[in-house]
Amino acid sequence: MQGNVINSAQINATQGKNNIELNVQELANGMYHLMLFDNKGNSHVEQVMVSH
């Protein structure tokens, strides 16, 4: 996968479901890949559509 990192943050989460809010106002309209990593090296990718 190619592209640029536009934001990176370390979030303290608890086991189970967590809600994380991202401000996308400064992002251009389009498709983005949201990549999540845990401290065990597991990862998850979600596609996010930004449309203002």
Protein backbone atom coordinates (compact mmCIF):
# COMPACT_ATOMS: atom_id res chain seq x y z
CA MET A 1 0.00 0.00 0.00
CA GLN A 2 1.42 3.38 -0.96
CA GLY A 3 0.48 6.78 0.39
CA ASN A 4 1.33 9.36 2.99
CA VAL A 5 0.76 9.30 6.72
CA ILE A 6 -1.47 12.29 7.43
CA ASN A 7 -1.94 11.76 11.16
CA SER A 8 -0.53 9.52 13.86
CA ALA A 9 -1.62 9.28 17.49
CA GLN A 10 -1.19 6.97 20.44
CA ILE A 11 -4.53 6.31 22.13
CA ASN A 12 -5.14 4.60 25.47
CA ALA A 13 -7.97 2.14 24.90
CA THR A 14 -9.63 -0.42 27.12
CA GLN A 15 -10.54 -3.99 26.28
CA GLY A 16 -13.79 -4.14 24.32
CA LYS A 17 -15.38 -1.47 22.16
CA ASN A 18 -13.84 2.00 22.09
CA ASN A 19 -15.02 5.13 20.27
CA ILE A 20 -12.28 7.34 18.85
CA GLU A 21 -13.27 10.65 17.25
CA LEU A 22 -11.19 12.03 14.39
CA ASN A 23 -11.47 15.58 13.09
CA VAL A 24 -11.55 15.32 9.27
CA GLN A 25 -12.43 18.96 8.54
CA GLU A 26 -8.95 19.65 7.15
CA LEU A 27 -8.88 16.54 4.94
CA ALA A 28 -9.79 16.73 1.27
CA ASN A 29 -12.78 14.75 0.08
CA GLY A 30 -11.84 11.20 -0.83
CA MET A 31 -11.16 7.68 0.35
CA TYR A 32 -8.73 7.13 3.22
CA HIS A 33 -7.38 4.02 4.92
CA LEU A 34 -7.50 4.10 8.71
CA MET A 35 -4.84 1.77 10.11
CA LEU A 36 -5.04 0.67 13.74
CA PHE A 37 -2.25 -1.18 15.57
CA ASP A 38 -2.24 -2.65 19.05
CA ASN A 39 0.71 -3.13 21.39
CA LYS A 40 0.97 -6.81 20.36
CA GLY A 41 1.64 -5.95 16.71
CA ASN A 42 -1.85 -6.78 15.46
CA SER A 43 -3.32 -4.41 12.88
CA HIS A 44 -6.70 -3.57 11.38
CA VAL A 45 -7.50 -1.41 8.33
CA GLU A 46 -10.79 0.36 7.60
CA GLN A 47 -11.68 2.41 4.52
CA VAL A 48 -13.16 5.79 5.40
CA MET A 49 -14.91 8.10 2.92
CA VAL A 50 -14.59 11.82 3.66
CA SER A 51 -17.21 14.01 2.01
CA HIS A 52 -17.87 17.60 3.11
